[in-house]
Structure formats: structure tokens, C-alpha cells
């Protein structure tokens, strides 16, 4: 009887150690996957930035474009829309600021300006869009913004 108890105790300890090892390995894999996913999204956000820059140039020169240039502009916009759909399909969307207020959770302030008509922390301009994973509520990249900061005397 004692031999059976010792055998079972030994097996139980072996199983517990195996569970700990597997839990640790799973956590490491999860962290590695998260790091890879974060890196992939960071690259996609840079591509989105490039498309937004191209879109600004297109808008500025659109009136003087010939037929071939307009077709090229349309193709660029189509690619950009496909990229937005890809991100959205993975739960990633652009950060929105319905009240035009910056918060430390979602924004990185890159510049401030005084304004007699606006309160502090009001967003004047979004320099770079931020992105959030809606499913997890996780900010993947903070928006870079210019906000109001009024001098106090």
C-alpha cells in the first residue's frame, strides 16, 4: 500500500512539474507571438502613414492631373482602402477623438500652441494617426498630436 502511495505521489509531482513547464512554455510563446504581432502592426501603420502622405500630395495636385495620373491616384486610394479593411478585419481601427480632447492613454503630444478660443488639451491637429485594437481595447500606437496649451500668468 505504501509503495502505491509513493508511486502516486511521485506521479502527481511529475504531472505538476510538467504542467508548470508547459504553462511557462505557453506564456513564452504567447509573448513571442505578441511581439511579432506588434512588430507587424507597426510596419502596417508606417505603410498607412505613407499612403496618407501620398493622398495629401494627390489632393494638392488633383486639379492639374491628366487621365493617367487620375487613374494612378484611384489605384493608390484602392490599395489604401484594402489596407484599412485588412486592419479592421483584425479589430484594428484608427483612434477617433469625438470631443477633440487629448489624453495620455491615446495621444503623444508633439507640439503645443496657445489659443484664445480653445481649452488646454484640445487637439488642433493630428500629425500621425493612432490605432487601437477594438477587441482588446489596447492602444497599438498613440496618435501624435498638436494640442492647445495656454500660458498662465
C-alpha atoms as a PDB file:
ATOM      1  CA  UNK A   1       0.000   0.000   0.000  1.00  0.00           C
ATOM      2  CA  UNK A   2       2.818   2.413   0.890  1.00  0.00           C
ATOM      3  CA  UNK A   3       4.501   1.631  -2.427  1.00  0.00           C
ATOM      4  CA  UNK A   4       1.348   2.601  -4.314  1.00  0.00           C
ATOM      5  CA  UNK A   5       1.053   5.872  -2.361  1.00  0.00           C
ATOM      6  CA  UNK A   6       4.698   6.708  -3.050  1.00  0.00           C
ATOM      7  CA  UNK A   7       4.228   5.850  -6.715  1.00  0.00           C
ATOM      8  CA  UNK A   8       1.112   8.029  -6.963  1.00  0.00           C
ATOM      9  CA  UNK A   9       2.789  10.892  -5.067  1.00  0.00           C
ATOM     10  CA  UNK A  10       5.773  10.695  -7.425  1.00  0.00           C
ATOM     11  CA  UNK A  11       3.468  10.714 -10.486  1.00  0.00           C
ATOM     12  CA  UNK A  12       1.493  13.650  -9.091  1.00  0.00           C
ATOM     13  CA  UNK A  13       4.691  15.629  -8.588  1.00  0.00           C
ATOM     14  CA  UNK A  14       5.832  14.744 -12.117  1.00  0.00           C
ATOM     15  CA  UNK A  15       2.483  15.910 -13.549  1.00  0.00           C
ATOM     16  CA  UNK A  16       2.612  19.160 -11.578  1.00  0.00           C
ATOM     17  CA  UNK A  17       6.142  19.868 -12.824  1.00  0.00           C
ATOM     18  CA  UNK A  18       5.063  19.063 -16.385  1.00  0.00           C
ATOM     19  CA  UNK A  19       2.091  21.428 -16.054  1.00  0.00           C
ATOM     20  CA  UNK A  20       4.402  24.202 -14.788  1.00  0.00           C
ATOM     21  CA  UNK A  21       6.816  23.617 -17.690  1.00  0.00           C
ATOM     22  CA  UNK A  22       4.003  23.659 -20.227  1.00  0.00           C
ATOM     23  CA  UNK A  23       2.457  26.782 -18.668  1.00  0.00           C
ATOM     24  CA  UNK A  24       5.823  28.540 -18.834  1.00  0.00           C
ATOM     25  CA  UNK A  25       6.363  27.472 -22.468  1.00  0.00           C
ATOM     26  CA  UNK A  26       2.857  28.641 -23.382  1.00  0.00           C
ATOM     27  CA  UNK A  27       3.480  32.037 -21.773  1.00  0.00           C
ATOM     28  CA  UNK A  28       6.761  32.405 -23.682  1.00  0.00           C
ATOM     29  CA  UNK A  29       5.043  31.513 -26.966  1.00  0.00           C
ATOM     30  CA  UNK A  30       2.262  33.985 -26.251  1.00  0.00           C
ATOM     31  CA  UNK A  31       4.799  36.753 -25.546  1.00  0.00           C
ATOM     32  CA  UNK A  32       6.763  35.918 -28.705  1.00  0.00           C
ATOM     33  CA  UNK A  33       3.566  35.941 -30.782  1.00  0.00           C
ATOM     34  CA  UNK A  34       2.509  39.281 -29.247  1.00  0.00           C
ATOM     35  CA  UNK A  35       5.918  40.811 -30.032  1.00  0.00           C
ATOM     36  CA  UNK A  36       5.676  39.569 -33.630  1.00  0.00           C
ATOM     37  CA  UNK A  37       2.131  40.884 -33.993  1.00  0.00           C
ATOM     38  CA  UNK A  38       3.123  44.282 -32.544  1.00  0.00           C
ATOM     39  CA  UNK A  39       6.031  44.489 -34.983  1.00  0.00           C
ATOM     40  CA  UNK A  40       3.773  43.584 -37.920  1.00  0.00           C
ATOM     41  CA  UNK A  41       1.195  46.209 -36.951  1.00  0.00           C
ATOM     42  CA  UNK A  42       3.934  48.836 -36.505  1.00  0.00           C
ATOM     43  CA  UNK A  43       5.059  48.134 -40.074  1.00  0.00           C
ATOM     44  CA  UNK A  44       1.487  48.336 -41.380  1.00  0.00           C
ATOM     45  CA  UNK A  45       0.994  51.656 -39.590  1.00  0.00           C
ATOM     46  CA  UNK A  46       4.082  53.033 -41.345  1.00  0.00           C
ATOM     47  CA  UNK A  47       2.606  51.905 -44.677  1.00  0.00           C
ATOM     48  CA  UNK A  48      -0.653  53.657 -43.736  1.00  0.00           C
ATOM     49  CA  UNK A  49       1.344  56.822 -42.954  1.00  0.00           C
ATOM     50  CA  UNK A  50       2.972  56.627 -46.385  1.00  0.00           C
ATOM     51  CA  UNK A  51      -0.419  56.237 -48.093  1.00  0.00           C
ATOM     52  CA  UNK A  52      -1.784  59.218 -46.140  1.00  0.00           C
ATOM     53  CA  UNK A  53       1.197  61.325 -47.269  1.00  0.00           C
ATOM     54  CA  UNK A  54       0.634  60.273 -50.887  1.00  0.00           C
ATOM     55  CA  UNK A  55      -3.074  61.101 -50.507  1.00  0.00           C
ATOM     56  CA  UNK A  56      -2.197  64.631 -49.344  1.00  0.00           C
ATOM     57  CA  UNK A  57       0.051  65.146 -52.375  1.00  0.00           C
ATOM     58  CA  UNK A  58      -2.653  63.800 -54.690  1.00  0.00           C
ATOM     59  CA  UNK A  59      -5.269  66.150 -53.225  1.00  0.00           C
ATOM     60  CA  UNK A  60      -2.938  69.127 -53.648  1.00  0.00           C
ATOM     61  CA  UNK A  61      -2.243  68.344 -57.320  1.00  0.00           C
ATOM     62  CA  UNK A  62      -5.536  66.712 -58.327  1.00  0.00           C
ATOM     63  CA  UNK A  63      -6.828  69.633 -60.411  1.00  0.00           C
ATOM     64  CA  UNK A  64      -3.865  69.542 -62.789  1.00  0.00           C
ATOM     65  CA  UNK A  65      -3.729  65.773 -63.263  1.00  0.00           C
ATOM     66  CA  UNK A  66      -4.109  64.098 -66.613  1.00  0.00           C
ATOM     67  CA  UNK A  67      -6.163  60.932 -67.149  1.00  0.00           C
ATOM     68  CA  UNK A  68      -3.261  58.561 -66.395  1.00  0.00           C
ATOM     69  CA  UNK A  69      -2.398  60.384 -63.173  1.00  0.00           C
ATOM     70  CA  UNK A  70      -6.027  60.297 -62.021  1.00  0.00           C
ATOM     71  CA  UNK A  71      -6.140  56.546 -62.674  1.00  0.00           C
ATOM     72  CA  UNK A  72      -2.933  56.098 -60.682  1.00  0.00           C
ATOM     73  CA  UNK A  73      -4.421  58.164 -57.839  1.00  0.00           C
ATOM     74  CA  UNK A  74      -7.525  55.965 -57.896  1.00  0.00           C
ATOM     75  CA  UNK A  75      -5.382  52.825 -57.682  1.00  0.00           C
ATOM     76  CA  UNK A  76      -3.464  54.255 -54.732  1.00  0.00           C
ATOM     77  CA  UNK A  77      -6.734  55.008 -52.946  1.00  0.00           C
ATOM     78  CA  UNK A  78      -7.967  51.467 -53.646  1.00  0.00           C
ATOM     79  CA  UNK A  79      -4.834  49.958 -52.107  1.00  0.00           C
ATOM     80  CA  UNK A  80      -5.222  52.217 -49.079  1.00  0.00           C
ATOM     81  CA  UNK A  81      -8.857  51.132 -48.636  1.00  0.00           C
ATOM     82  CA  UNK A  82      -7.830  47.471 -48.822  1.00  0.00           C
ATOM     83  CA  UNK A  83      -5.234  48.034 -46.110  1.00  0.00           C
ATOM     84  CA  UNK A  84      -7.836  49.748 -43.899  1.00  0.00           C
ATOM     85  CA  UNK A  85     -10.199  46.785 -44.433  1.00  0.00           C
ATOM     86  CA  UNK A  86      -7.415  44.335 -43.550  1.00  0.00           C
ATOM     87  CA  UNK A  87      -6.705  46.170 -40.296  1.00  0.00           C
ATOM     88  CA  UNK A  88     -10.411  46.421 -39.485  1.00  0.00           C
ATOM     89  CA  UNK A  89     -10.883  42.691 -40.128  1.00  0.00           C
ATOM     90  CA  UNK A  90      -8.289  42.148 -37.406  1.00  0.00           C
ATOM     91  CA  UNK A  91     -10.049  44.503 -34.992  1.00  0.00           C
ATOM     92  CA  UNK A  92      -7.672  47.417 -35.575  1.00  0.00           C
ATOM     93  CA  UNK A  93      -9.084  50.869 -36.298  1.00  0.00           C
ATOM     94  CA  UNK A  94      -7.896  54.445 -36.283  1.00  0.00           C
ATOM     95  CA  UNK A  95      -8.250  56.257 -32.964  1.00  0.00           C
ATOM     96  CA  UNK A  96     -11.099  58.755 -33.021  1.00  0.00           C
ATOM     97  CA  UNK A  97     -11.382  61.880 -30.893  1.00  0.00           C
ATOM     98  CA  UNK A  98     -15.052  62.912 -30.988  1.00  0.00           C
ATOM     99  CA  UNK A  99     -14.558  65.596 -28.348  1.00  0.00           C
ATOM    100  CA  UNK A 100     -11.192  66.725 -29.783  1.00  0.00           C
ATOM    101  CA  UNK A 101      -9.513  66.142 -26.415  1.00  0.00           C
ATOM    102  CA  UNK A 102      -6.091  64.578 -25.959  1.00  0.00           C
ATOM    103  CA  UNK A 103      -5.420  62.025 -23.241  1.00  0.00           C
ATOM    104  CA  UNK A 104      -2.156  60.432 -22.191  1.00  0.00           C
ATOM    105  CA  UNK A 105      -3.614  56.970 -22.897  1.00  0.00           C
ATOM    106  CA  UNK A 106      -4.218  57.646 -26.577  1.00  0.00           C
ATOM    107  CA  UNK A 107      -2.013  60.599 -27.535  1.00  0.00           C
ATOM    108  CA  UNK A 108       1.580  61.673 -27.698  1.00  0.00           C
ATOM    109  CA  UNK A 109       1.757  65.482 -27.709  1.00  0.00           C
ATOM    110  CA  UNK A 110       4.474  66.546 -30.159  1.00  0.00           C
ATOM    111  CA  UNK A 111       3.774  70.283 -30.024  1.00  0.00           C
ATOM    112  CA  UNK A 112       1.596  72.782 -28.183  1.00  0.00           C
ATOM    113  CA  UNK A 113       0.174  76.136 -29.229  1.00  0.00           C
ATOM    114  CA  UNK A 114      -1.713  78.874 -27.424  1.00  0.00           C
ATOM    115  CA  UNK A 115      -5.322  79.579 -28.383  1.00  0.00           C
ATOM    116  CA  UNK A 116      -7.695  82.196 -27.052  1.00  0.00           C
ATOM    117  CA  UNK A 117     -10.738  80.230 -28.230  1.00  0.00           C
ATOM    118  CA  UNK A 118      -9.863  76.711 -27.052  1.00  0.00           C
ATOM    119  CA  UNK A 119      -9.181  74.998 -23.751  1.00  0.00           C
ATOM    120  CA  UNK A 120      -5.947  73.231 -22.830  1.00  0.00           C
ATOM    121  CA  UNK A 121      -5.572  69.703 -24.257  1.00  0.00           C
ATOM    122  CA  UNK A 122      -7.843  70.450 -27.207  1.00  0.00           C
ATOM    123  CA  UNK A 123      -6.432  68.744 -30.295  1.00  0.00           C
ATOM    124  CA  UNK A 124      -5.556  71.258 -33.001  1.00  0.00           C
ATOM    125  CA  UNK A 125      -4.033  68.782 -35.435  1.00  0.00           C
ATOM    126  CA  UNK A 126      -3.339  65.068 -35.690  1.00  0.00           C
ATOM    127  CA  UNK A 127       0.188  64.724 -37.050  1.00  0.00           C
ATOM    128  CA  UNK A 128       0.136  60.900 -37.120  1.00  0.00           C
ATOM    129  CA  UNK A 129      -2.918  58.741 -36.639  1.00  0.00           C
ATOM    130  CA  UNK A 130      -3.091  56.381 -33.708  1.00  0.00           C
ATOM    131  CA  UNK A 131      -4.564  52.893 -33.808  1.00  0.00           C
ATOM    132  CA  UNK A 132      -6.432  50.727 -31.323  1.00  0.00           C
ATOM    133  CA  UNK A 133      -7.366  47.060 -31.190  1.00  0.00           C
ATOM    134  CA  UNK A 134     -11.101  47.352 -30.553  1.00  0.00           C
ATOM    135  CA  UNK A 135     -11.474  43.738 -29.449  1.00  0.00           C
ATOM    136  CA  UNK A 136      -8.907  44.090 -26.665  1.00  0.00           C
ATOM    137  CA  UNK A 137      -9.242  47.827 -26.038  1.00  0.00           C
ATOM    138  CA  UNK A 138      -5.460  48.053 -26.449  1.00  0.00           C
ATOM    139  CA  UNK A 139      -3.836  51.141 -27.981  1.00  0.00           C
ATOM    140  CA  UNK A 140      -1.349  49.828 -30.544  1.00  0.00           C
ATOM    141  CA  UNK A 141       0.059  53.236 -31.466  1.00  0.00           C
ATOM    142  CA  UNK A 142      -0.695  56.552 -29.836  1.00  0.00           C
ATOM    143  CA  UNK A 143      -1.739  59.411 -32.080  1.00  0.00           C
ATOM    144  CA  UNK A 144       0.843  62.179 -32.418  1.00  0.00           C
ATOM    145  CA  UNK A 145      -0.991  65.446 -31.906  1.00  0.00           C
ATOM    146  CA  UNK A 146      -0.621  69.194 -31.586  1.00  0.00           C
ATOM    147  CA  UNK A 147      -2.681  70.493 -28.680  1.00  0.00           C
ATOM    148  CA  UNK A 148      -3.624  73.744 -27.002  1.00  0.00           C
ATOM    149  CA  UNK A 149      -1.567  74.864 -24.035  1.00  0.00           C
ATOM    150  CA  UNK A 150      -2.359  78.367 -22.865  1.00  0.00           C
ATOM    151  CA  UNK A 151       0.196  80.239 -20.799  1.00  0.00           C
ATOM    152  CA  UNK A 152      -0.952  81.081 -17.288  1.00  0.00           C
ATOM    153  CA  UNK A 153       0.324  84.212 -15.577  1.00  0.00           C
END
